[in-house]
N, C-alpha and C. Protein backbone atom coordinates (compact mmCIF):
# COMPACT_ATOMS: atom_id res chain seq x y z
N UNK A 1 0.83 -1.15 0.00
CA UNK A 1 0.00 0.00 0.00
C UNK A 1 0.88 1.22 0.00
N UNK A 2 0.46 2.26 -0.76
CA UNK A 2 1.25 3.49 -0.86
C UNK A 2 0.95 4.38 0.32
N UNK A 3 2.00 5.05 0.76
CA UNK A 3 1.82 5.97 1.88
C UNK A 3 1.89 7.41 1.39
N UNK A 4 1.22 8.29 2.06
CA UNK A 4 1.18 9.70 1.69
C UNK A 4 2.28 10.44 2.42
N UNK A 5 2.91 11.41 1.72
CA UNK A 5 3.99 12.17 2.36
C UNK A 5 3.44 13.32 3.19
N UNK A 6 2.20 13.70 2.96
CA UNK A 6 1.59 14.76 3.75
C UNK A 6 1.82 16.17 3.22
N UNK A 7 2.58 16.34 2.14
CA UNK A 7 2.84 17.68 1.61
C UNK A 7 1.60 18.25 0.94
N UNK A 8 0.90 17.50 0.14
CA UNK A 8 -0.35 17.93 -0.51
C UNK A 8 -1.44 16.98 -0.06
N UNK A 9 -2.25 17.43 0.78
CA UNK A 9 -3.34 16.57 1.26
C UNK A 9 -4.66 17.13 0.79
N UNK A 10 -5.34 16.38 0.02
CA UNK A 10 -6.66 16.71 -0.48
C UNK A 10 -6.75 18.06 -1.16
N UNK A 11 -5.71 18.52 -1.88
CA UNK A 11 -5.74 19.76 -2.64
C UNK A 11 -5.74 21.02 -1.79
N UNK A 12 -5.37 20.98 -0.57
CA UNK A 12 -5.34 22.17 0.29
C UNK A 12 -3.98 22.85 0.12
N UNK A 13 -4.06 24.22 -0.07
CA UNK A 13 -2.82 24.99 -0.24
C UNK A 13 -2.28 25.41 1.12
N UNK A 14 -0.99 25.52 1.14
CA UNK A 14 -0.34 26.02 2.35
C UNK A 14 -0.05 27.51 2.19
N UNK A 15 0.50 28.15 3.20
CA UNK A 15 0.79 29.59 3.16
C UNK A 15 1.73 29.99 2.03
N UNK A 16 2.68 29.14 1.70
CA UNK A 16 3.61 29.47 0.61
C UNK A 16 2.89 29.58 -0.72
N UNK A 17 1.93 28.73 -0.96
CA UNK A 17 1.17 28.76 -2.22
C UNK A 17 0.34 30.05 -2.32
N UNK A 18 -0.26 30.47 -1.22
CA UNK A 18 -1.05 31.71 -1.22
C UNK A 18 -0.16 32.93 -1.50
N UNK A 19 1.01 32.93 -0.91
CA UNK A 19 1.95 34.04 -1.13
C UNK A 19 2.38 34.08 -2.60
N UNK A 20 2.72 32.94 -3.17
CA UNK A 20 3.13 32.90 -4.58
C UNK A 20 1.98 33.31 -5.50
N UNK A 21 0.77 32.90 -5.20
CA UNK A 21 -0.39 33.28 -6.01
C UNK A 21 -0.64 34.79 -5.92
N UNK A 22 -0.50 35.36 -4.73
CA UNK A 22 -0.69 36.81 -4.55
C UNK A 22 0.37 37.58 -5.33
N UNK A 23 1.60 37.12 -5.31
CA UNK A 23 2.68 37.79 -6.08
C UNK A 23 2.39 37.70 -7.57
N UNK A 24 1.93 36.54 -8.06
CA UNK A 24 1.62 36.38 -9.49
C UNK A 24 0.48 37.30 -9.91
N UNK A 25 -0.57 37.42 -9.09
CA UNK A 25 -1.69 38.30 -9.41
C UNK A 25 -1.24 39.76 -9.41
N UNK A 26 -0.41 40.14 -8.45
CA UNK A 26 0.10 41.52 -8.39
C UNK A 26 0.93 41.85 -9.62
N UNK A 27 1.78 40.93 -10.05
CA UNK A 27 2.58 41.14 -11.26
C UNK A 27 1.69 41.26 -12.50
N UNK A 28 0.66 40.45 -12.60
CA UNK A 28 -0.24 40.50 -13.75
C UNK A 28 -1.00 41.82 -13.79
N UNK A 29 -1.51 42.27 -12.64
CA UNK A 29 -2.23 43.55 -12.58
C UNK A 29 -1.28 44.70 -12.91
N UNK A 30 -0.06 44.66 -12.41
CA UNK A 30 0.92 45.70 -12.72
C UNK A 30 1.25 45.74 -14.20
N UNK A 31 1.41 44.59 -14.81
CA UNK A 31 1.70 44.53 -16.24
C UNK A 31 0.56 45.11 -17.06
N UNK A 32 -0.68 44.79 -16.70
CA UNK A 32 -1.84 45.35 -17.40
C UNK A 32 -1.88 46.86 -17.23
N UNK A 33 -1.60 47.37 -16.04
CA UNK A 33 -1.62 48.81 -15.78
C UNK A 33 -0.54 49.53 -16.59
N UNK A 34 0.65 48.96 -16.66
CA UNK A 34 1.74 49.57 -17.41
C UNK A 34 1.41 49.60 -18.91
N UNK A 35 0.92 48.51 -19.44
CA UNK A 35 0.57 48.44 -20.86
C UNK A 35 -0.56 49.42 -21.18
N UNK A 36 -1.56 49.48 -20.33
CA UNK A 36 -2.69 50.40 -20.54
C UNK A 36 -2.22 51.85 -20.50
N UNK A 37 -1.39 52.21 -19.53
CA UNK A 37 -0.93 53.60 -19.45
C UNK A 37 -0.03 53.95 -20.63
N UNK A 38 0.74 52.99 -21.14
CA UNK A 38 1.56 53.26 -22.33
C UNK A 38 0.68 53.47 -23.56
N UNK A 39 -0.31 52.62 -23.72
CA UNK A 39 -1.18 52.72 -24.89
C UNK A 39 -1.99 54.01 -24.87
N UNK A 40 -2.47 54.42 -23.70
CA UNK A 40 -3.31 55.61 -23.60
C UNK A 40 -2.53 56.87 -23.24
N UNK A 41 -1.21 56.82 -23.28
CA UNK A 41 -0.43 58.03 -22.99
C UNK A 41 -0.69 59.06 -24.08
N UNK A 42 -0.63 60.35 -23.71
CA UNK A 42 -0.98 61.38 -24.69
C UNK A 42 -0.02 61.40 -25.88
N UNK A 43 -0.61 61.56 -27.04
CA UNK A 43 0.18 61.72 -28.25
C UNK A 43 0.59 63.19 -28.36
N UNK A 44 1.51 63.47 -29.21
CA UNK A 44 1.97 64.85 -29.40
C UNK A 44 1.11 65.48 -30.49
N UNK A 45 0.56 66.67 -30.22
CA UNK A 45 -0.20 67.40 -31.21
C UNK A 45 0.61 68.64 -31.57
N UNK A 46 0.78 68.90 -32.87
CA UNK A 46 1.56 70.04 -33.33
C UNK A 46 0.61 71.08 -33.91
N UNK A 47 0.55 72.24 -33.26
CA UNK A 47 -0.33 73.32 -33.71
C UNK A 47 0.47 74.35 -34.50
N UNK A 48 -0.19 74.96 -35.49
CA UNK A 48 0.39 76.08 -36.24
C UNK A 48 -0.75 76.96 -36.74
N UNK A 49 -0.39 78.18 -37.14
CA UNK A 49 -1.36 79.14 -37.67
C UNK A 49 -1.01 79.41 -39.12
N UNK A 50 -2.00 79.35 -40.00
CA UNK A 50 -1.80 79.59 -41.43
C UNK A 50 -2.95 80.43 -41.97
N UNK A 51 -2.86 80.77 -43.25
CA UNK A 51 -3.94 81.39 -44.02
C UNK A 51 -4.51 82.64 -43.34
N UNK A 52 -3.63 83.57 -43.00
CA UNK A 52 -4.09 84.81 -42.38
C UNK A 52 -4.62 85.76 -43.44
N UNK A 53 -5.69 86.49 -43.09
CA UNK A 53 -6.25 87.48 -44.00
C UNK A 53 -7.10 88.46 -43.20
N UNK A 54 -7.49 89.56 -43.84
CA UNK A 54 -8.36 90.54 -43.20
C UNK A 54 -9.51 90.90 -44.12
N UNK A 55 -10.62 91.33 -43.51
CA UNK A 55 -11.78 91.85 -44.24
C UNK A 55 -12.23 93.12 -43.54
N UNK A 56 -12.52 94.15 -44.30
CA UNK A 56 -13.02 95.41 -43.73
C UNK A 56 -14.52 95.30 -43.49
N UNK A 57 -14.95 95.79 -42.33
CA UNK A 57 -16.38 95.86 -42.02
C UNK A 57 -16.88 97.21 -42.52
N UNK A 58 -17.89 97.20 -43.37
CA UNK A 58 -18.40 98.43 -43.96
C UNK A 58 -18.98 99.34 -42.89
N UNK A 59 -18.55 100.62 -42.93
CA UNK A 59 -19.12 101.63 -42.04
C UNK A 59 -18.69 101.53 -40.59
N UNK A 60 -17.66 100.78 -40.29
CA UNK A 60 -17.21 100.65 -38.90
C UNK A 60 -15.68 100.60 -38.87
N UNK A 61 -15.08 101.14 -37.81
CA UNK A 61 -13.61 101.10 -37.70
C UNK A 61 -13.13 99.75 -37.19
N UNK A 62 -13.57 98.70 -37.86
CA UNK A 62 -13.29 97.34 -37.41
C UNK A 62 -12.86 96.49 -38.59
N UNK A 63 -11.88 95.63 -38.36
CA UNK A 63 -11.47 94.63 -39.34
C UNK A 63 -11.83 93.25 -38.80
N UNK A 64 -12.09 92.34 -39.72
CA UNK A 64 -12.23 90.93 -39.32
C UNK A 64 -10.91 90.26 -39.67
N UNK A 65 -10.26 89.70 -38.66
CA UNK A 65 -9.01 88.96 -38.85
C UNK A 65 -9.34 87.49 -38.98
N UNK A 66 -8.92 86.89 -40.07
CA UNK A 66 -9.19 85.47 -40.33
C UNK A 66 -7.89 84.69 -40.28
N UNK A 67 -7.95 83.49 -39.75
CA UNK A 67 -6.78 82.61 -39.76
C UNK A 67 -7.24 81.18 -39.58
N UNK A 68 -6.32 80.27 -39.81
CA UNK A 68 -6.59 78.84 -39.66
C UNK A 68 -5.63 78.27 -38.63
N UNK A 69 -6.17 77.53 -37.67
CA UNK A 69 -5.35 76.79 -36.72
C UNK A 69 -5.25 75.37 -37.27
N UNK A 70 -4.04 74.95 -37.61
CA UNK A 70 -3.80 73.58 -38.07
C UNK A 70 -3.32 72.74 -36.90
N UNK A 71 -3.89 71.56 -36.76
CA UNK A 71 -3.50 70.63 -35.70
C UNK A 71 -3.07 69.32 -36.36
N UNK A 72 -1.79 69.01 -36.24
CA UNK A 72 -1.25 67.77 -36.82
C UNK A 72 -1.10 66.74 -35.71
N UNK A 73 -1.62 65.56 -35.97
CA UNK A 73 -1.50 64.43 -35.05
C UNK A 73 -0.57 63.40 -35.70
N UNK A 74 0.72 63.42 -35.36
CA UNK A 74 1.66 62.49 -36.01
C UNK A 74 1.60 61.06 -35.48
N UNK A 75 0.86 60.82 -34.41
CA UNK A 75 0.81 59.48 -33.82
C UNK A 75 0.15 58.50 -34.79
N UNK A 76 0.75 57.31 -34.89
CA UNK A 76 0.18 56.27 -35.75
C UNK A 76 -0.80 55.37 -35.00
N UNK A 77 -0.87 55.54 -33.68
CA UNK A 77 -1.72 54.65 -32.91
C UNK A 77 -2.89 55.36 -32.24
N UNK A 78 -2.76 56.65 -31.93
CA UNK A 78 -3.80 57.33 -31.16
C UNK A 78 -4.51 58.39 -31.99
N UNK A 79 -5.84 58.35 -31.96
CA UNK A 79 -6.63 59.43 -32.51
C UNK A 79 -6.83 60.49 -31.44
N UNK A 80 -7.30 61.66 -31.84
CA UNK A 80 -7.52 62.76 -30.90
C UNK A 80 -8.98 63.19 -31.00
N UNK A 81 -9.66 63.23 -29.86
CA UNK A 81 -11.02 63.75 -29.82
C UNK A 81 -10.98 65.13 -29.15
N UNK A 82 -11.34 66.15 -29.93
CA UNK A 82 -11.40 67.52 -29.41
C UNK A 82 -12.80 67.75 -28.86
N UNK A 83 -12.91 68.05 -27.56
CA UNK A 83 -14.21 68.41 -27.01
C UNK A 83 -14.40 69.92 -27.05
N UNK A 84 -13.29 70.67 -27.08
CA UNK A 84 -13.38 72.12 -27.26
C UNK A 84 -12.04 72.63 -27.80
N UNK A 85 -12.11 73.71 -28.56
CA UNK A 85 -10.91 74.37 -29.06
C UNK A 85 -11.24 75.86 -29.14
N UNK A 86 -10.44 76.67 -28.46
CA UNK A 86 -10.61 78.12 -28.51
C UNK A 86 -9.29 78.76 -28.89
N UNK A 87 -9.39 79.94 -29.45
CA UNK A 87 -8.19 80.71 -29.80
C UNK A 87 -8.43 82.16 -29.38
N UNK A 88 -7.38 82.78 -28.89
CA UNK A 88 -7.43 84.19 -28.52
C UNK A 88 -6.26 84.89 -29.18
N UNK A 89 -6.48 86.13 -29.59
CA UNK A 89 -5.40 86.97 -30.08
C UNK A 89 -4.89 87.79 -28.90
N UNK A 90 -3.61 87.76 -28.69
CA UNK A 90 -3.00 88.59 -27.65
C UNK A 90 -2.33 89.75 -28.36
N UNK A 91 -2.80 90.96 -28.06
CA UNK A 91 -2.36 92.17 -28.75
C UNK A 91 -1.62 93.05 -27.76
N UNK A 92 -0.42 93.51 -28.16
CA UNK A 92 0.30 94.47 -27.34
C UNK A 92 0.26 95.81 -28.04
N UNK A 93 -0.23 96.81 -27.34
CA UNK A 93 -0.33 98.14 -27.90
C UNK A 93 0.51 99.09 -27.06
N UNK A 94 1.56 99.66 -27.65
CA UNK A 94 2.41 100.60 -26.92
C UNK A 94 1.62 101.85 -26.54
N UNK A 95 0.69 102.26 -27.41
CA UNK A 95 -0.09 103.46 -27.10
C UNK A 95 -1.01 103.24 -25.90
N UNK A 96 -1.47 102.01 -25.73
CA UNK A 96 -2.31 101.71 -24.58
C UNK A 96 -1.48 101.18 -23.41
N UNK A 97 -0.23 100.82 -23.69
CA UNK A 97 0.69 100.39 -22.65
C UNK A 97 0.33 99.08 -21.98
N UNK A 98 -0.39 98.22 -22.64
CA UNK A 98 -0.79 96.97 -22.00
C UNK A 98 -1.14 95.92 -23.04
N UNK A 99 -1.25 94.72 -22.53
CA UNK A 99 -1.73 93.63 -23.37
C UNK A 99 -3.24 93.64 -23.41
N UNK A 100 -3.77 93.26 -24.54
CA UNK A 100 -5.22 93.07 -24.66
C UNK A 100 -5.42 91.69 -25.25
N UNK A 101 -6.53 91.11 -24.92
CA UNK A 101 -6.85 89.78 -25.42
C UNK A 101 -8.15 89.88 -26.21
N UNK A 102 -8.14 89.37 -27.43
CA UNK A 102 -9.30 89.42 -28.30
C UNK A 102 -9.79 87.99 -28.51
N UNK A 103 -11.02 87.71 -28.10
CA UNK A 103 -11.59 86.38 -28.28
C UNK A 103 -11.91 86.15 -29.76
N UNK A 104 -11.65 84.98 -30.23
CA UNK A 104 -11.96 84.63 -31.62
C UNK A 104 -13.11 83.63 -31.64
N UNK A 105 -13.68 83.47 -32.81
CA UNK A 105 -14.72 82.46 -33.03
C UNK A 105 -14.09 81.36 -33.87
N UNK A 106 -14.11 80.14 -33.35
CA UNK A 106 -13.61 78.99 -34.10
C UNK A 106 -14.80 78.36 -34.79
N UNK A 107 -14.74 78.27 -36.12
CA UNK A 107 -15.87 77.81 -36.92
C UNK A 107 -15.79 76.29 -37.12
N UNK A 108 -16.00 75.54 -36.04
CA UNK A 108 -15.93 74.08 -36.11
C UNK A 108 -16.84 73.51 -35.05
N UNK A 109 -17.71 72.61 -35.44
CA UNK A 109 -18.57 71.93 -34.47
C UNK A 109 -17.73 70.96 -33.65
N UNK A 110 -18.04 70.86 -32.37
CA UNK A 110 -17.33 69.95 -31.48
C UNK A 110 -18.35 68.99 -30.88
N UNK A 111 -17.98 67.79 -30.52
CA UNK A 111 -16.64 67.23 -30.55
C UNK A 111 -16.23 66.81 -31.96
N UNK A 112 -14.94 66.73 -32.15
CA UNK A 112 -14.37 66.34 -33.44
C UNK A 112 -13.34 65.26 -33.19
N UNK A 113 -13.43 64.17 -33.94
CA UNK A 113 -12.47 63.08 -33.81
C UNK A 113 -11.48 63.16 -34.97
N UNK A 114 -10.20 63.31 -34.62
CA UNK A 114 -9.12 63.36 -35.61
C UNK A 114 -8.43 62.01 -35.64
N UNK A 115 -8.41 61.34 -36.80
CA UNK A 115 -7.79 60.01 -36.88
C UNK A 115 -6.27 60.08 -36.65
N UNK A 116 -5.66 58.94 -36.36
CA UNK A 116 -4.20 58.91 -36.22
C UNK A 116 -3.51 59.35 -37.52
N UNK A 117 -2.33 59.92 -37.37
CA UNK A 117 -1.47 60.34 -38.49
C UNK A 117 -2.22 61.21 -39.50
N UNK A 118 -2.88 62.26 -38.99
CA UNK A 118 -3.63 63.16 -39.87
C UNK A 118 -3.56 64.59 -39.35
N UNK A 119 -4.09 65.51 -40.14
CA UNK A 119 -4.17 66.91 -39.75
C UNK A 119 -5.61 67.38 -39.83
N UNK A 120 -5.94 68.33 -38.98
CA UNK A 120 -7.26 68.98 -39.02
C UNK A 120 -7.03 70.48 -39.05
N UNK A 121 -7.91 71.18 -39.76
CA UNK A 121 -7.82 72.64 -39.84
C UNK A 121 -9.08 73.25 -39.23
N UNK A 122 -8.87 74.28 -38.43
CA UNK A 122 -9.96 74.97 -37.75
C UNK A 122 -9.93 76.43 -38.19
N UNK A 123 -10.94 76.88 -38.92
CA UNK A 123 -11.03 78.29 -39.33
C UNK A 123 -11.46 79.12 -38.13
N UNK A 124 -10.84 80.29 -37.99
CA UNK A 124 -11.17 81.18 -36.88
C UNK A 124 -11.17 82.62 -37.37
N UNK A 125 -11.90 83.46 -36.65
CA UNK A 125 -11.94 84.88 -36.99
C UNK A 125 -12.17 85.70 -35.73
N UNK A 126 -11.74 86.96 -35.80
CA UNK A 126 -11.90 87.87 -34.67
C UNK A 126 -12.13 89.28 -35.19
N UNK A 127 -12.86 90.06 -34.42
CA UNK A 127 -13.02 91.48 -34.74
C UNK A 127 -11.85 92.24 -34.15
N UNK A 128 -11.23 93.11 -34.96
CA UNK A 128 -10.07 93.88 -34.53
C UNK A 128 -10.40 95.36 -34.64
N UNK A 129 -10.34 96.06 -33.51
CA UNK A 129 -10.62 97.49 -33.45
C UNK A 129 -9.43 98.25 -34.03
N UNK A 130 -9.68 99.09 -35.02
CA UNK A 130 -8.60 99.82 -35.69
C UNK A 130 -7.90 100.81 -34.75
N UNK A 131 -8.45 101.08 -33.59
CA UNK A 131 -7.76 101.96 -32.64
C UNK A 131 -6.49 101.33 -32.11
N UNK A 132 -6.33 100.00 -32.30
CA UNK A 132 -5.10 99.34 -31.89
C UNK A 132 -3.96 99.57 -32.87
N UNK A 133 -4.25 100.11 -34.05
CA UNK A 133 -3.18 100.40 -35.00
C UNK A 133 -2.25 101.45 -34.42
N UNK A 134 -0.97 101.27 -34.66
CA UNK A 134 0.06 102.13 -34.09
C UNK A 134 0.62 103.01 -35.19
N UNK A 135 0.80 104.31 -34.91
CA UNK A 135 1.41 105.21 -35.88
C UNK A 135 2.89 104.90 -35.99
N UNK A 136 3.38 104.91 -37.23
CA UNK A 136 4.78 104.62 -37.51
C UNK A 136 5.40 105.89 -38.06
N UNK A 137 6.27 106.54 -37.29
CA UNK A 137 6.87 107.79 -37.74
C UNK A 137 7.78 107.54 -38.93
N UNK A 138 8.05 108.59 -39.66
CA UNK A 138 8.87 108.44 -40.86
C UNK A 138 7.95 108.39 -42.05
N UNK A 139 8.42 107.84 -43.11
CA UNK A 139 7.57 107.74 -44.28
C UNK A 139 7.75 108.96 -45.17
N UNK A 140 6.78 109.22 -45.99
CA UNK A 140 6.87 110.22 -47.03
C UNK A 140 6.25 111.54 -46.60
N UNK A 141 7.01 112.64 -46.59
CA UNK A 141 6.53 114.00 -46.33
C UNK A 141 5.74 114.10 -45.03
N UNK A 142 6.25 113.47 -44.00
CA UNK A 142 5.60 113.59 -42.71
C UNK A 142 4.34 112.77 -42.56
N UNK A 143 3.96 112.00 -43.57
CA UNK A 143 2.77 111.15 -43.46
C UNK A 143 3.10 110.01 -42.51
N UNK A 144 2.22 109.78 -41.58
CA UNK A 144 2.44 108.72 -40.60
C UNK A 144 1.67 107.48 -41.03
N UNK A 145 2.41 106.45 -41.38
CA UNK A 145 1.78 105.19 -41.78
C UNK A 145 1.30 104.46 -40.53
N UNK A 146 0.32 103.62 -40.67
CA UNK A 146 -0.16 102.86 -39.53
C UNK A 146 0.14 101.39 -39.74
N UNK A 147 0.50 100.75 -38.66
CA UNK A 147 0.79 99.32 -38.70
C UNK A 147 0.14 98.66 -37.50
N UNK A 148 0.00 97.38 -37.60
CA UNK A 148 -0.65 96.64 -36.51
C UNK A 148 0.38 96.35 -35.42
N UNK A 149 -0.06 96.33 -34.18
CA UNK A 149 0.84 95.94 -33.10
C UNK A 149 1.12 94.45 -33.18
N UNK A 150 2.16 94.00 -32.47
CA UNK A 150 2.44 92.56 -32.47
C UNK A 150 1.26 91.77 -31.89
N UNK A 151 0.93 90.68 -32.56
CA UNK A 151 -0.16 89.82 -32.10
C UNK A 151 0.31 88.38 -32.11
N UNK A 152 -0.07 87.66 -31.09
CA UNK A 152 0.20 86.23 -31.08
C UNK A 152 -1.12 85.51 -30.82
N UNK A 153 -1.18 84.27 -31.24
CA UNK A 153 -2.39 83.46 -31.08
C UNK A 153 -2.16 82.48 -29.94
N UNK A 154 -3.10 82.44 -29.01
CA UNK A 154 -3.09 81.47 -27.92
C UNK A 154 -4.18 80.44 -28.21
N UNK A 155 -3.81 79.19 -28.26
CA UNK A 155 -4.76 78.12 -28.56
C UNK A 155 -4.93 77.25 -27.32
N UNK A 156 -6.19 77.01 -26.97
CA UNK A 156 -6.51 76.11 -25.85
C UNK A 156 -7.46 75.04 -26.37
N UNK A 157 -7.16 73.81 -26.00
CA UNK A 157 -8.02 72.70 -26.43
C UNK A 157 -8.17 71.72 -25.28
N UNK A 158 -9.33 71.10 -25.22
CA UNK A 158 -9.52 69.98 -24.30
C UNK A 158 -9.67 68.75 -25.18
N UNK A 159 -8.79 67.78 -24.95
CA UNK A 159 -8.72 66.61 -25.82
C UNK A 159 -8.69 65.33 -25.00
N UNK A 160 -9.10 64.25 -25.66
CA UNK A 160 -8.90 62.89 -25.16
C UNK A 160 -8.26 62.11 -26.30
N UNK A 161 -7.45 61.14 -25.94
CA UNK A 161 -6.80 60.32 -26.96
C UNK A 161 -7.52 58.98 -27.02
N UNK A 162 -7.69 58.48 -28.25
CA UNK A 162 -8.45 57.26 -28.47
C UNK A 162 -7.56 56.23 -29.15
N UNK A 163 -7.43 55.08 -28.51
CA UNK A 163 -6.70 53.95 -29.08
C UNK A 163 -7.65 52.77 -29.10
N UNK A 164 -8.03 52.33 -30.30
CA UNK A 164 -9.03 51.27 -30.41
C UNK A 164 -10.35 51.76 -29.86
N UNK A 165 -10.90 51.05 -28.87
CA UNK A 165 -12.15 51.47 -28.24
C UNK A 165 -11.92 52.25 -26.95
N UNK A 166 -10.66 52.33 -26.50
CA UNK A 166 -10.35 52.94 -25.21
C UNK A 166 -10.03 54.43 -25.37
N UNK A 167 -10.51 55.23 -24.40
CA UNK A 167 -10.24 56.67 -24.36
C UNK A 167 -9.37 56.98 -23.14
N UNK A 168 -8.49 57.96 -23.29
CA UNK A 168 -7.71 58.43 -22.15
C UNK A 168 -8.55 59.40 -21.34
N UNK A 169 -7.99 59.87 -20.26
CA UNK A 169 -8.65 60.92 -19.49
C UNK A 169 -8.55 62.22 -20.29
N UNK A 170 -9.34 63.23 -19.98
CA UNK A 170 -9.24 64.51 -20.70
C UNK A 170 -7.95 65.24 -20.36
N UNK A 171 -7.36 65.87 -21.35
CA UNK A 171 -6.15 66.69 -21.17
C UNK A 171 -6.45 68.11 -21.64
N UNK A 172 -5.94 69.09 -20.91
CA UNK A 172 -6.01 70.48 -21.34
C UNK A 172 -4.69 70.82 -22.01
N UNK A 173 -4.77 71.27 -23.26
CA UNK A 173 -3.59 71.62 -24.05
C UNK A 173 -3.62 73.12 -24.28
N UNK A 174 -2.51 73.80 -24.04
CA UNK A 174 -2.42 75.24 -24.28
C UNK A 174 -1.09 75.53 -24.97
N UNK A 175 -1.16 76.22 -26.10
CA UNK A 175 0.04 76.60 -26.83
C UNK A 175 -0.02 78.09 -27.17
N UNK A 176 1.15 78.67 -27.34
CA UNK A 176 1.26 80.06 -27.76
C UNK A 176 2.04 80.09 -29.07
N UNK A 177 1.51 80.82 -30.03
CA UNK A 177 2.13 80.88 -31.35
C UNK A 177 2.99 82.14 -31.46
N UNK A 178 3.97 82.08 -32.30
CA UNK A 178 4.83 83.23 -32.56
C UNK A 178 3.98 84.37 -33.11
N UNK A 179 4.50 85.60 -33.08
CA UNK A 179 3.70 86.73 -33.60
C UNK A 179 3.22 86.50 -35.03
N UNK A 180 1.98 86.89 -35.25
CA UNK A 180 1.30 86.68 -36.53
C UNK A 180 1.11 88.03 -37.21
N UNK A 181 1.35 88.08 -38.52
CA UNK A 181 1.14 89.30 -39.30
C UNK A 181 -0.08 89.09 -40.19
N UNK A 182 -1.13 89.83 -39.91
CA UNK A 182 -2.36 89.72 -40.69
C UNK A 182 -2.40 90.71 -41.86
N UNK A 183 -1.47 91.66 -41.89
CA UNK A 183 -1.65 92.83 -42.74
C UNK A 183 -0.74 92.89 -43.96
N UNK A 184 0.06 91.88 -44.23
CA UNK A 184 0.86 91.86 -45.46
C UNK A 184 0.47 90.65 -46.30
N UNK A 185 0.54 90.83 -47.59
CA UNK A 185 0.15 89.75 -48.50
C UNK A 185 1.07 88.54 -48.36
N UNK A 186 2.36 88.78 -48.07
CA UNK A 186 3.30 87.67 -47.95
C UNK A 186 2.98 86.79 -46.74
N UNK A 187 2.34 87.36 -45.73
CA UNK A 187 2.04 86.60 -44.53
C UNK A 187 0.96 85.55 -44.73
N UNK A 188 0.13 85.73 -45.76
CA UNK A 188 -1.00 84.82 -45.98
C UNK A 188 -0.55 83.38 -46.18
N UNK A 189 0.61 83.16 -46.79
CA UNK A 189 1.08 81.82 -47.05
C UNK A 189 2.08 81.31 -46.02
N UNK A 190 2.30 82.05 -44.97
CA UNK A 190 3.31 81.70 -43.97
C UNK A 190 2.70 80.79 -42.90
N UNK A 191 3.46 79.78 -42.50
CA UNK A 191 3.05 78.89 -41.39
C UNK A 191 3.78 79.36 -40.14
N UNK A 192 3.01 79.67 -39.11
CA UNK A 192 3.55 80.15 -37.85
C UNK A 192 3.47 79.02 -36.84
N UNK A 193 4.61 78.65 -36.27
CA UNK A 193 4.66 77.56 -35.31
C UNK A 193 4.17 77.96 -33.93
N UNK A 194 3.70 76.98 -33.18
CA UNK A 194 3.21 77.20 -31.82
C UNK A 194 3.95 76.26 -30.88
N UNK A 195 4.16 76.71 -29.65
CA UNK A 195 4.85 75.90 -28.66
C UNK A 195 4.06 75.90 -27.36
N UNK A 196 4.24 74.84 -26.58
CA UNK A 196 3.54 74.73 -25.30
C UNK A 196 4.19 75.60 -24.26
């Protein structure tokens, strides 16, 4: 007759087995968490400003400043869902001695899903009061030419990143673009970079 050694009796685990099982479960949960956070980590979005132009408002000392905010998503794995996107013009006027902020209207319905490895363009416009124009001394026979003060575009977006069916948490993205020139024809084709 065979005798039992007593190490495994009727399938009952000892304390060592419970400890090893707990360590294995902890490692598995940690691996899933690391993989999930890597997959849903934020992708890099590259913003720029293009297609600047102006339109005169009839009978008013106001111009409409038009521009396009381009958003490039170079990620091959993550799409971007924009729940909101706003742009403001930051204007410095030496005559007023301060910064002013001009709210723009972004002509795009939200939310918007941008696929991986693609670009999206957002048309925007703002009303610009001609009193912000600065006199430029010099010129011809004492005539004072007027030029626009330096303006930069501030872009704010609330985004989530989408990989497969999974969405990341919402992220607030804010970038500031280099000074933009709305008033020269050469500026219309210029791409102005933005940085965080």
